[in-house]
């Protein structure tokens, strides 16, 4: 599973087989913007060990982005609204 700004992705799903878009353009992470969903799916399906660290680094970058966004919205005073919007993802 990959956590993204657009929601959770089950990378094993066939719909990602030909999706050559980056894993998540919404966060500032070189790995998330460099590797495509199709490539990461290929790595996972073929049980290549490289897929696991790529997914882990991406997920950690997402968590860092999420906490940074939460802090920003707390400081702005609109955390409750942002949380409801994020919960939909």
PDB file of N, CA and C in Angstrom:
ATOM      1  N   UNK A   1       0.838  -1.186   0.000  1.00  0.00           N
ATOM      2  CA  UNK A   1       0.000   0.000   0.000  1.00  0.00           C
ATOM      3  C   UNK A   1       0.877   1.241   0.000  1.00  0.00           C
ATOM      4  N   UNK A   2       0.443   2.198  -0.756  1.00  0.00           N
ATOM      5  CA  UNK A   2       1.113   3.491  -0.784  1.00  0.00           C
ATOM      6  C   UNK A   2       0.120   4.550  -0.322  1.00  0.00           C
ATOM      7  N   UNK A   3       0.568   5.409   0.552  1.00  0.00           N
ATOM      8  CA  UNK A   3      -0.256   6.524   1.009  1.00  0.00           C
ATOM      9  C   UNK A   3       0.113   7.737   0.182  1.00  0.00           C
ATOM     10  N   UNK A   4      -0.896   8.356  -0.431  1.00  0.00           N
ATOM     11  CA  UNK A   4      -0.643   9.512  -1.292  1.00  0.00           C
ATOM     12  C   UNK A   4      -1.587  10.650  -0.929  1.00  0.00           C
ATOM     13  N   UNK A   5      -1.318  11.802  -1.494  1.00  0.00           N
ATOM     14  CA  UNK A   5      -2.186  12.953  -1.269  1.00  0.00           C
ATOM     15  C   UNK A   5      -3.553  12.753  -1.920  1.00  0.00           C
ATOM     16  N   UNK A   6      -3.665  11.780  -2.802  1.00  0.00           N
ATOM     17  CA  UNK A   6      -4.934  11.480  -3.472  1.00  0.00           C
ATOM     18  C   UNK A   6      -5.652  10.288  -2.846  1.00  0.00           C
ATOM     19  N   UNK A   7      -5.070   9.689  -1.826  1.00  0.00           N
ATOM     20  CA  UNK A   7      -5.664   8.530  -1.166  1.00  0.00           C
ATOM     21  C   UNK A   7      -4.717   7.348  -1.171  1.00  0.00           C
ATOM     22  N   UNK A   8      -5.198   6.252  -0.640  1.00  0.00           N
ATOM     23  CA  UNK A   8      -4.387   5.041  -0.535  1.00  0.00           C
ATOM     24  C   UNK A   8      -4.392   4.302  -1.872  1.00  0.00           C
ATOM     25  N   UNK A   9      -3.222   3.821  -2.262  1.00  0.00           N
ATOM     26  CA  UNK A   9      -3.069   3.064  -3.505  1.00  0.00           C
ATOM     27  C   UNK A   9      -2.642   1.641  -3.160  1.00  0.00           C
ATOM     28  N   UNK A  10      -3.378   0.674  -3.674  1.00  0.00           N
ATOM     29  CA  UNK A  10      -2.940  -0.718  -3.603  1.00  0.00           C
ATOM     30  C   UNK A  10      -2.185  -0.965  -4.903  1.00  0.00           C
ATOM     31  N   UNK A  11      -0.877  -0.932  -4.836  1.00  0.00           N
ATOM     32  CA  UNK A  11      -0.036  -0.952  -6.030  1.00  0.00           C
ATOM     33  C   UNK A  11      -0.135  -2.278  -6.784  1.00  0.00           C
ATOM     34  N   UNK A  12      -0.670  -3.325  -6.160  1.00  0.00           N
ATOM     35  CA  UNK A  12      -0.832  -4.612  -6.841  1.00  0.00           C
ATOM     36  C   UNK A  12      -1.986  -4.612  -7.842  1.00  0.00           C
ATOM     37  N   UNK A  13      -2.880  -3.632  -7.753  1.00  0.00           N
ATOM     38  CA  UNK A  13      -4.030  -3.590  -8.668  1.00  0.00           C
ATOM     39  C   UNK A  13      -3.588  -3.430 -10.118  1.00  0.00           C
ATOM     40  N   UNK A  14      -4.275  -4.119 -10.992  1.00  0.00           N
ATOM     41  CA  UNK A  14      -3.937  -4.101 -12.418  1.00  0.00           C
ATOM     42  C   UNK A  14      -4.075  -2.712 -13.043  1.00  0.00           C
ATOM     43  N   UNK A  15      -4.920  -1.865 -12.454  1.00  0.00           N
ATOM     44  CA  UNK A  15      -5.135  -0.545 -13.055  1.00  0.00           C
ATOM     45  C   UNK A  15      -3.872   0.315 -13.052  1.00  0.00           C
ATOM     46  N   UNK A  16      -2.867  -0.034 -12.265  1.00  0.00           N
ATOM     47  CA  UNK A  16      -1.622   0.735 -12.236  1.00  0.00           C
ATOM     48  C   UNK A  16      -0.586   0.200 -13.223  1.00  0.00           C
ATOM     49  N   UNK A  17      -0.920  -0.880 -13.937  1.00  0.00           N
ATOM     50  CA  UNK A  17       0.045  -1.542 -14.817  1.00  0.00           C
ATOM     51  C   UNK A  17       0.616  -0.612 -15.890  1.00  0.00           C
ATOM     52  N   UNK A  18      -0.203   0.249 -16.434  1.00  0.00           N
ATOM     53  CA  UNK A  18       0.255   1.153 -17.501  1.00  0.00           C
ATOM     54  C   UNK A  18       0.149   2.626 -17.098  1.00  0.00           C
ATOM     55  N   UNK A  19       0.142   2.888 -15.818  1.00  0.00           N
ATOM     56  CA  UNK A  19       0.085   4.265 -15.312  1.00  0.00           C
ATOM     57  C   UNK A  19       1.518   4.746 -15.076  1.00  0.00           C
ATOM     58  N   UNK A  20       2.029   5.503 -16.019  1.00  0.00           N
ATOM     59  CA  UNK A  20       3.416   5.948 -15.947  1.00  0.00           C
ATOM     60  C   UNK A  20       3.561   7.312 -15.268  1.00  0.00           C
ATOM     61  N   UNK A  21       2.527   7.725 -14.561  1.00  0.00           N
ATOM     62  CA  UNK A  21       2.619   8.970 -13.807  1.00  0.00           C
ATOM     63  C   UNK A  21       3.392   8.712 -12.512  1.00  0.00           C
ATOM     64  N   UNK A  22       3.995   9.758 -11.946  1.00  0.00           N
ATOM     65  CA  UNK A  22       4.738   9.584 -10.689  1.00  0.00           C
ATOM     66  C   UNK A  22       3.835   9.056  -9.578  1.00  0.00           C
ATOM     67  N   UNK A  23       4.445   8.430  -8.597  1.00  0.00           N
ATOM     68  CA  UNK A  23       3.696   7.868  -7.472  1.00  0.00           C
ATOM     69  C   UNK A  23       2.860   8.958  -6.811  1.00  0.00           C
ATOM     70  N   UNK A  24       3.466  10.114  -6.538  1.00  0.00           N
ATOM     71  CA  UNK A  24       2.714  11.217  -5.920  1.00  0.00           C
ATOM     72  C   UNK A  24       3.439  12.527  -6.191  1.00  0.00           C
ATOM     73  N   UNK A  25       2.840  13.357  -7.023  1.00  0.00           N
ATOM     74  CA  UNK A  25       3.433  14.658  -7.323  1.00  0.00           C
ATOM     75  C   UNK A  25       3.114  15.690  -6.245  1.00  0.00           C
ATOM     76  N   UNK A  26       2.213  15.349  -5.315  1.00  0.00           N
ATOM     77  CA  UNK A  26       1.774  16.291  -4.299  1.00  0.00           C
ATOM     78  C   UNK A  26       2.746  16.506  -3.162  1.00  0.00           C
ATOM     79  N   UNK A  27       3.755  15.646  -3.062  1.00  0.00           N
ATOM     80  CA  UNK A  27       4.730  15.814  -1.975  1.00  0.00           C
ATOM     81  C   UNK A  27       6.106  16.071  -2.567  1.00  0.00           C
ATOM     82  N   UNK A  28       6.942  16.703  -1.769  1.00  0.00           N
ATOM     83  CA  UNK A  28       8.283  17.063  -2.213  1.00  0.00           C
ATOM     84  C   UNK A  28       9.252  15.937  -1.850  1.00  0.00           C
ATOM     85  N   UNK A  29       9.271  14.907  -2.696  1.00  0.00           N
ATOM     86  CA  UNK A  29      10.147  13.758  -2.471  1.00  0.00           C
ATOM     87  C   UNK A  29      10.660  13.300  -3.831  1.00  0.00           C
ATOM     88  N   UNK A  30      11.958  13.208  -3.953  1.00  0.00           N
ATOM     89  CA  UNK A  30      12.561  12.823  -5.224  1.00  0.00           C
ATOM     90  C   UNK A  30      12.064  11.455  -5.683  1.00  0.00           C
ATOM     91  N   UNK A  31      12.002  10.498  -4.785  1.00  0.00           N
ATOM     92  CA  UNK A  31      11.564   9.144  -5.145  1.00  0.00           C
ATOM     93  C   UNK A  31      10.109   9.144  -5.592  1.00  0.00           C
ATOM     94  N   UNK A  32       9.269   9.866  -4.877  1.00  0.00           N
ATOM     95  CA  UNK A  32       7.839   9.895  -5.212  1.00  0.00           C
ATOM     96  C   UNK A  32       7.577  10.540  -6.560  1.00  0.00           C
ATOM     97  N   UNK A  33       8.438  11.446  -6.956  1.00  0.00           N
ATOM     98  CA  UNK A  33       8.266  12.138  -8.230  1.00  0.00           C
ATOM     99  C   UNK A  33       9.041  11.488  -9.369  1.00  0.00           C
ATOM    100  N   UNK A  34       9.989  10.616  -9.060  1.00  0.00           N
ATOM    101  CA  UNK A  34      10.830  10.005 -10.086  1.00  0.00           C
ATOM    102  C   UNK A  34      10.261   8.688 -10.606  1.00  0.00           C
ATOM    103  N   UNK A  35       9.863   7.814  -9.705  1.00  0.00           N
ATOM    104  CA  UNK A  35       9.381   6.490 -10.109  1.00  0.00           C
ATOM    105  C   UNK A  35       7.892   6.522 -10.433  1.00  0.00           C
ATOM    106  N   UNK A  36       7.517   5.750 -11.433  1.00  0.00           N
ATOM    107  CA  UNK A  36       6.110   5.704 -11.831  1.00  0.00           C
ATOM    108  C   UNK A  36       5.379   4.586 -11.089  1.00  0.00           C
ATOM    109  N   UNK A  37       4.062   4.702 -11.092  1.00  0.00           N
ATOM    110  CA  UNK A  37       3.233   3.668 -10.477  1.00  0.00           C
ATOM    111  C   UNK A  37       3.416   2.337 -11.209  1.00  0.00           C
ATOM    112  N   UNK A  38       3.520   2.395 -12.529  1.00  0.00           N
ATOM    113  CA  UNK A  38       3.694   1.172 -13.318  1.00  0.00           C
ATOM    114  C   UNK A  38       5.014   0.477 -12.969  1.00  0.00           C
ATOM    115  N   UNK A  39       6.080   1.249 -12.829  1.00  0.00           N
ATOM    116  CA  UNK A  39       7.376   0.662 -12.499  1.00  0.00           C
ATOM    117  C   UNK A  39       7.351   0.056 -11.101  1.00  0.00           C
ATOM    118  N   UNK A  40       6.779   0.764 -10.162  1.00  0.00           N
ATOM    119  CA  UNK A  40       6.710   0.250  -8.798  1.00  0.00           C
ATOM    120  C   UNK A  40       5.837  -1.003  -8.747  1.00  0.00           C
ATOM    121  N   UNK A  41       4.741  -1.013  -9.500  1.00  0.00           N
ATOM    122  CA  UNK A  41       3.904  -2.213  -9.563  1.00  0.00           C
ATOM    123  C   UNK A  41       4.694  -3.388 -10.136  1.00  0.00           C
ATOM    124  N   UNK A  42       5.453  -3.122 -11.200  1.00  0.00           N
ATOM    125  CA  UNK A  42       6.282  -4.170 -11.800  1.00  0.00           C
ATOM    126  C   UNK A  42       7.264  -4.740 -10.774  1.00  0.00           C
ATOM    127  N   UNK A  43       7.916  -3.857 -10.024  1.00  0.00           N
ATOM    128  CA  UNK A  43       8.871  -4.325  -9.021  1.00  0.00           C
ATOM    129  C   UNK A  43       8.194  -5.197  -7.966  1.00  0.00           C
ATOM    130  N   UNK A  44       7.019  -4.781  -7.522  1.00  0.00           N
ATOM    131  CA  UNK A  44       6.306  -5.545  -6.493  1.00  0.00           C
ATOM    132  C   UNK A  44       5.819  -6.890  -7.033  1.00  0.00           C
ATOM    133  N   UNK A  45       5.244  -6.890  -8.234  1.00  0.00           N
ATOM    134  CA  UNK A  45       4.711  -8.130  -8.808  1.00  0.00           C
ATOM    135  C   UNK A  45       5.822  -9.131  -9.115  1.00  0.00           C
ATOM    136  N   UNK A  46       6.989  -8.640  -9.519  1.00  0.00           N
ATOM    137  CA  UNK A  46       8.100  -9.546  -9.828  1.00  0.00           C
ATOM    138  C   UNK A  46       8.955  -9.840  -8.589  1.00  0.00           C
ATOM    139  N   UNK A  47       8.515  -9.337  -7.447  1.00  0.00           N
ATOM    140  CA  UNK A  47       9.176  -9.549  -6.149  1.00  0.00           C
ATOM    141  C   UNK A  47      10.635  -9.086  -6.146  1.00  0.00           C
ATOM    142  N   UNK A  48      10.873  -8.002  -6.870  1.00  0.00           N
ATOM    143  CA  UNK A  48      12.193  -7.370  -6.837  1.00  0.00           C
ATOM    144  C   UNK A  48      12.337  -6.628  -5.520  1.00  0.00           C
ATOM    145  N   UNK A  49      13.440  -6.800  -4.858  1.00  0.00           N
ATOM    146  CA  UNK A  49      13.640  -6.219  -3.528  1.00  0.00           C
ATOM    147  C   UNK A  49      13.647  -4.689  -3.568  1.00  0.00           C
ATOM    148  N   UNK A  50      13.989  -4.080  -4.687  1.00  0.00           N
ATOM    149  CA  UNK A  50      14.035  -2.623  -4.803  1.00  0.00           C
ATOM    150  C   UNK A  50      12.672  -1.977  -4.573  1.00  0.00           C
ATOM    151  N   UNK A  51      11.597  -2.692  -4.862  1.00  0.00           N
ATOM    152  CA  UNK A  51      10.258  -2.128  -4.680  1.00  0.00           C
ATOM    153  C   UNK A  51       9.947  -1.782  -3.236  1.00  0.00           C
ATOM    154  N   UNK A  52      10.430  -2.578  -2.304  1.00  0.00           N
ATOM    155  CA  UNK A  52      10.132  -2.346  -0.886  1.00  0.00           C
ATOM    156  C   UNK A  52      10.755  -1.066  -0.347  1.00  0.00           C
ATOM    157  N   UNK A  53      12.050  -0.802  -0.581  1.00  0.00           N
ATOM    158  CA  UNK A  53      12.588   0.468  -0.079  1.00  0.00           C
ATOM    159  C   UNK A  53      12.008   1.698  -0.772  1.00  0.00           C
ATOM    160  N   UNK A  54      11.666   1.577  -2.057  1.00  0.00           N
ATOM    161  CA  UNK A  54      11.038   2.712  -2.749  1.00  0.00           C
ATOM    162  C   UNK A  54       9.698   3.020  -2.100  1.00  0.00           C
ATOM    163  N   UNK A  55       8.884   2.002  -1.867  1.00  0.00           N
ATOM    164  CA  UNK A  55       7.584   2.201  -1.230  1.00  0.00           C
ATOM    165  C   UNK A  55       7.742   2.740   0.188  1.00  0.00           C
ATOM    166  N   UNK A  56       8.720   2.240   0.923  1.00  0.00           N
ATOM    167  CA  UNK A  56       8.934   2.695   2.298  1.00  0.00           C
ATOM    168  C   UNK A  56       9.362   4.156   2.355  1.00  0.00           C
ATOM    169  N   UNK A  57      10.297   4.536   1.499  1.00  0.00           N
ATOM    170  CA  UNK A  57      10.756   5.931   1.477  1.00  0.00           C
ATOM    171  C   UNK A  57       9.602   6.846   1.075  1.00  0.00           C
ATOM    172  N   UNK A  58       8.819   6.422   0.089  1.00  0.00           N
ATOM    173  CA  UNK A  58       7.669   7.236  -0.317  1.00  0.00           C
ATOM    174  C   UNK A  58       6.699   7.407   0.847  1.00  0.00           C
ATOM    175  N   UNK A  59       6.344   6.312   1.521  1.00  0.00           N
ATOM    176  CA  UNK A  59       5.385   6.394   2.624  1.00  0.00           C
ATOM    177  C   UNK A  59       5.910   7.270   3.757  1.00  0.00           C
ATOM    178  N   UNK A  60       7.199   7.172   4.068  1.00  0.00           N
ATOM    179  CA  UNK A  60       7.780   8.041   5.093  1.00  0.00           C
ATOM    180  C   UNK A  60       7.714   9.505   4.670  1.00  0.00           C
ATOM    181  N   UNK A  61       7.995   9.778   3.400  1.00  0.00           N
ATOM    182  CA  UNK A  61       7.899  11.156   2.891  1.00  0.00           C
ATOM    183  C   UNK A  61       6.460  11.661   2.981  1.00  0.00           C
ATOM    184  N   UNK A  62       5.494  10.779   2.714  1.00  0.00           N
ATOM    185  CA  UNK A  62       4.093  11.168   2.833  1.00  0.00           C
ATOM    186  C   UNK A  62       3.753  11.527   4.274  1.00  0.00           C
ATOM    187  N   UNK A  63       4.197  10.713   5.230  1.00  0.00           N
ATOM    188  CA  UNK A  63       3.914  10.998   6.648  1.00  0.00           C
ATOM    189  C   UNK A  63       4.524  12.333   7.065  1.00  0.00           C
ATOM    190  N   UNK A  64       5.731  12.614   6.602  1.00  0.00           N
ATOM    191  CA  UNK A  64       6.362  13.902   6.918  1.00  0.00           C
ATOM    192  C   UNK A  64       5.557  15.055   6.312  1.00  0.00           C
ATOM    193  N   UNK A  65       5.109  14.874   5.081  1.00  0.00           N
ATOM    194  CA  UNK A  65       4.276  15.898   4.435  1.00  0.00           C
ATOM    195  C   UNK A  65       2.985  16.093   5.217  1.00  0.00           C
ATOM    196  N   UNK A  66       2.361  14.992   5.638  1.00  0.00           N
ATOM    197  CA  UNK A  66       1.094  15.052   6.355  1.00  0.00           C
ATOM    198  C   UNK A  66       1.233  15.821   7.672  1.00  0.00           C
ATOM    199  N   UNK A  67       2.285  15.545   8.422  1.00  0.00           N
ATOM    200  CA  UNK A  67       2.511  16.236   9.695  1.00  0.00           C
ATOM    201  C   UNK A  67       2.800  17.717   9.458  1.00  0.00           C
ATOM    202  N   UNK A  68       3.573  18.020   8.424  1.00  0.00           N
ATOM    203  CA  UNK A  68       3.867  19.425   8.099  1.00  0.00           C
ATOM    204  C   UNK A  68       2.591  20.175   7.733  1.00  0.00           C
ATOM    205  N   UNK A  69       1.731  19.538   6.948  1.00  0.00           N
ATOM    206  CA  UNK A  69       0.454  20.152   6.574  1.00  0.00           C
ATOM    207  C   UNK A  69      -0.441  20.343   7.798  1.00  0.00           C
ATOM    208  N   UNK A  70      -0.477  19.335   8.677  1.00  0.00           N
ATOM    209  CA  UNK A  70      -1.294  19.442   9.893  1.00  0.00           C
ATOM    210  C   UNK A  70      -0.824  20.619  10.739  1.00  0.00           C
ATOM    211  N   UNK A  71       0.483  20.757  10.910  1.00  0.00           N
ATOM    212  CA  UNK A  71       1.021  21.883  11.684  1.00  0.00           C
ATOM    213  C   UNK A  71       0.635  23.213  11.057  1.00  0.00           C
ATOM    214  N   UNK A  72       0.719  23.281   9.741  1.00  0.00           N
ATOM    215  CA  UNK A  72       0.374  24.522   9.031  1.00  0.00           C
ATOM    216  C   UNK A  72      -1.090  24.878   9.266  1.00  0.00           C
ATOM    217  N   UNK A  73      -1.976  23.907   9.174  1.00  0.00           N
ATOM    218  CA  UNK A  73      -3.403  24.174   9.338  1.00  0.00           C
ATOM    219  C   UNK A  73      -3.774  24.447  10.795  1.00  0.00           C
ATOM    220  N   UNK A  74      -3.053  23.866  11.731  1.00  0.00           N
ATOM    221  CA  UNK A  74      -3.260  24.202  13.143  1.00  0.00           C
ATOM    222  C   UNK A  74      -2.906  25.658  13.375  1.00  0.00           C
ATOM    223  N   UNK A  75      -1.760  26.085  12.835  1.00  0.00           N
ATOM    224  CA  UNK A  75      -1.325  27.471  12.996  1.00  0.00           C
ATOM    225  C   UNK A  75      -2.295  28.451  12.329  1.00  0.00           C
ATOM    226  N   UNK A  76      -2.893  28.040  11.205  1.00  0.00           N
ATOM    227  CA  UNK A  76      -3.846  28.897  10.504  1.00  0.00           C
ATOM    228  C   UNK A  76      -5.230  28.873  11.144  1.00  0.00           C
ATOM    229  N   UNK A  77      -5.468  27.904  12.027  1.00  0.00           N
ATOM    230  CA  UNK A  77      -6.750  27.824  12.720  1.00  0.00           C
ATOM    231  C   UNK A  77      -7.851  27.103  11.967  1.00  0.00           C
ATOM    232  N   UNK A  78      -7.507  26.375  10.908  1.00  0.00           N
ATOM    233  CA  UNK A  78      -8.527  25.656  10.136  1.00  0.00           C
ATOM    234  C   UNK A  78      -8.253  24.154  10.067  1.00  0.00           C
ATOM    235  N   UNK A  79      -7.722  23.619  11.146  1.00  0.00           N
ATOM    236  CA  UNK A  79      -7.366  22.203  11.169  1.00  0.00           C
ATOM    237  C   UNK A  79      -8.582  21.292  11.008  1.00  0.00           C
ATOM    238  N   UNK A  80      -9.694  21.606  11.676  1.00  0.00           N
ATOM    239  CA  UNK A  80     -10.878  20.738  11.638  1.00  0.00           C
ATOM    240  C   UNK A  80     -11.383  20.558  10.203  1.00  0.00           C
ATOM    241  N   UNK A  81     -11.476  21.634   9.455  1.00  0.00           N
ATOM    242  CA  UNK A  81     -11.920  21.546   8.061  1.00  0.00           C
ATOM    243  C   UNK A  81     -10.943  20.763   7.196  1.00  0.00           C
ATOM    244  N   UNK A  82      -9.661  21.003   7.393  1.00  0.00           N
ATOM    245  CA  UNK A  82      -8.635  20.284   6.638  1.00  0.00           C
ATOM    246  C   UNK A  82      -8.668  18.798   6.961  1.00  0.00           C
ATOM    247  N   UNK A  83      -8.861  18.469   8.236  1.00  0.00           N
ATOM    248  CA  UNK A  83      -8.902  17.076   8.647  1.00  0.00           C
ATOM    249  C   UNK A  83     -10.066  16.350   7.973  1.00  0.00           C
ATOM    250  N   UNK A  84     -11.235  16.984   7.924  1.00  0.00           N
ATOM    251  CA  UNK A  84     -12.385  16.363   7.251  1.00  0.00           C
ATOM    252  C   UNK A  84     -12.092  16.128   5.778  1.00  0.00           C
ATOM    253  N   UNK A  85     -11.431  17.083   5.156  1.00  0.00           N
ATOM    254  CA  UNK A  85     -11.079  16.946   3.735  1.00  0.00           C
ATOM    255  C   UNK A  85     -10.062  15.829   3.522  1.00  0.00           C
ATOM    256  N   UNK A  86      -9.076  15.733   4.380  1.00  0.00           N
ATOM    257  CA  UNK A  86      -8.064  14.688   4.274  1.00  0.00           C
ATOM    258  C   UNK A  86      -8.632  13.315   4.576  1.00  0.00           C
ATOM    259  N   UNK A  87      -9.592  13.235   5.468  1.00  0.00           N
ATOM    260  CA  UNK A  87     -10.166  11.952   5.848  1.00  0.00           C
ATOM    261  C   UNK A  87     -10.883  11.285   4.670  1.00  0.00           C
ATOM    262  N   UNK A  88     -11.365  12.105   3.704  1.00  0.00           N
ATOM    263  CA  UNK A  88     -12.011  11.567   2.520  1.00  0.00           C
ATOM    264  C   UNK A  88     -11.038  10.754   1.674  1.00  0.00           C
ATOM    265  N   UNK A  89      -9.763  11.136   1.693  1.00  0.00           N
ATOM    266  CA  UNK A  89      -8.748  10.424   0.897  1.00  0.00           C
ATOM    267  C   UNK A  89      -8.552   9.056   1.493  1.00  0.00           C
TER     268      UNK A  89
END
